[in-house]
Protein backbone atom coordinates (compact mmCIF):
# COMPACT_ATOMS: atom_id res chain seq x y z
CA MET A 1 10.93 4.46 9.47
CA GLU A 2 7.89 2.50 10.64
CA PRO A 3 5.05 4.47 12.18
CA LYS A 4 4.58 3.61 15.87
CA THR A 5 0.92 4.55 16.40
CA PRO A 6 -2.26 4.60 14.32
CA ILE A 7 -2.44 8.39 14.49
CA GLU A 8 1.16 8.73 13.29
CA PHE A 9 0.36 6.43 10.34
CA LEU A 10 -2.91 8.15 9.42
CA GLU A 11 -1.63 11.70 9.70
CA LYS A 12 1.95 11.36 8.42
CA GLU A 13 2.69 8.04 6.72
CA LEU A 14 -0.56 7.37 4.82
CA PRO A 15 -0.44 10.64 2.82
CA ALA A 16 3.15 9.76 1.78
CA ARG A 17 2.24 6.15 0.85
CA PHE A 18 -0.96 7.06 -0.98
CA LYS A 19 -0.89 6.29 -4.72
CA PRO A 20 -3.59 8.47 -6.33
CA GLU A 21 -3.04 6.87 -9.74
CA LYS A 22 -4.46 3.62 -8.29
CA THR A 23 -7.74 5.30 -7.30
CA GLU A 24 -9.17 6.11 -10.74
CA GLY A 25 -12.96 6.09 -10.38
CA VAL A 26 -12.85 5.42 -6.63
CA ASP A 27 -15.22 7.46 -4.46
CA VAL A 28 -15.23 5.99 -0.98
CA THR A 29 -15.64 6.88 2.66
CA VAL A 30 -13.94 4.50 5.09
CA GLN A 31 -14.68 4.40 8.80
CA LEU A 32 -11.64 3.24 10.79
CA ASN A 33 -12.36 2.11 14.34
CA ILE A 34 -9.09 1.36 16.08
CA GLU A 35 -9.54 -0.09 19.57
CA GLY A 36 -7.04 0.05 22.42
CA PRO A 37 -4.91 2.65 24.20
CA GLN A 38 -3.42 3.97 20.92
CA GLY A 39 -6.76 3.82 19.13
CA GLY A 40 -9.47 6.16 18.04
CA LYS A 41 -11.98 6.72 15.25
CA TRP A 42 -11.07 8.22 11.90
CA VAL A 43 -12.77 8.78 8.57
CA ALA A 44 -10.71 8.42 5.40
CA THR A 45 -12.23 9.73 2.19
CA ILE A 46 -10.94 9.17 -1.32
CA ARG A 47 -12.58 11.28 -4.00
CA ASP A 48 -11.17 12.57 -7.30
CA LYS A 49 -7.83 10.82 -6.57
CA LYS A 50 -7.43 12.83 -3.34
CA LEU A 51 -7.19 11.45 0.18
CA SER A 52 -8.37 13.15 3.33
CA VAL A 53 -8.28 11.74 6.87
CA THR A 54 -10.15 13.28 9.79
CA LYS A 55 -10.86 12.24 13.35
CA GLY A 56 -14.42 11.19 14.06
CA THR A 57 -17.15 9.02 12.60
CA ASP A 58 -19.22 8.94 9.45
CA PRO A 59 -22.90 7.92 9.72
CA SER A 60 -22.89 5.96 6.44
CA PRO A 61 -19.40 4.88 5.32
CA VAL A 62 -18.96 2.71 2.24
CA LEU A 63 -16.41 0.59 4.14
CA ALA A 64 -15.89 0.10 7.86
CA LEU A 65 -12.84 -1.51 9.46
CA THR A 66 -12.51 -2.34 13.14
CA MET A 67 -9.23 -3.58 14.60
CA LYS A 68 -7.18 -3.54 17.79
CA ASP A 69 -4.40 -0.95 17.70
CA ASN A 70 -1.56 -3.50 17.78
CA ASP A 71 -3.15 -5.55 14.95
CA PHE A 72 -3.60 -2.37 12.89
CA MET A 73 0.08 -1.53 13.32
CA ASP A 74 1.07 -5.08 12.31
CA LEU A 75 -1.08 -4.69 9.19
CA ILE A 76 0.29 -1.35 8.06
CA ASN A 77 3.87 -2.31 8.92
CA LYS A 78 3.47 -5.46 6.75
CA LYS A 79 3.88 -7.91 9.64
CA ILE A 80 0.52 -9.46 8.72
CA SER A 81 -1.32 -9.43 5.40
CA ALA A 82 -4.82 -7.96 5.07
CA GLU A 83 -6.05 -11.40 4.04
CA LYS A 84 -4.53 -13.10 7.08
CA ALA A 85 -5.89 -10.38 9.38
CA PHE A 86 -9.36 -10.92 7.92
CA PHE A 87 -9.33 -14.71 8.01
CA THR A 88 -7.95 -14.84 11.57
CA GLY A 89 -10.57 -12.40 12.86
CA LYS A 90 -8.10 -9.60 13.61
CA ILE A 91 -10.06 -7.25 11.38
CA GLN A 92 -13.81 -6.81 11.28
CA PHE A 93 -14.84 -5.56 7.89
CA LYS A 94 -18.12 -4.29 6.46
CA GLY A 95 -18.56 -3.30 2.86
CA ASN A 96 -17.29 -4.10 -0.63
CA ILE A 97 -14.23 -6.38 -0.48
CA THR A 98 -13.22 -5.47 -4.06
CA LEU A 99 -13.08 -1.82 -3.07
CA ALA A 100 -11.00 -2.70 -0.01
CA LEU A 101 -8.49 -4.46 -2.27
CA LYS A 102 -8.25 -1.32 -4.45
CA LEU A 103 -7.44 0.66 -1.31
CA ARG A 104 -4.68 -1.80 -0.48
CA ASP A 105 -3.21 -1.29 -3.96
CA ALA A 106 -3.36 2.48 -3.40
CA GLY A 107 -1.10 2.15 -0.33
CA PHE A 108 -3.85 2.38 2.25
CA PHE A 109 -2.73 -0.76 4.15
């Protein structure tokens, strides 16, 4: 079943989708800024092949993603690719693109 809101994805679906075996050597803090009525701010951390997601902000994340809530849901529900979201301006991204692609392979989006 597709998650309906960012919080439902981040708290329930992401932990189930997460593929720790794809995060060998990854140590990253990701700031997620989701704008809109279903939005919010979350920090996702991957360290030692473990994922944690908390509400709030991190002062110095390795990656930062900003999206509208409906675009975020399209991304995680595979209605738009991460590349298309980036190239059409639906996602604002700061940080290492190679690391972001590793996160995609790990089931992050």
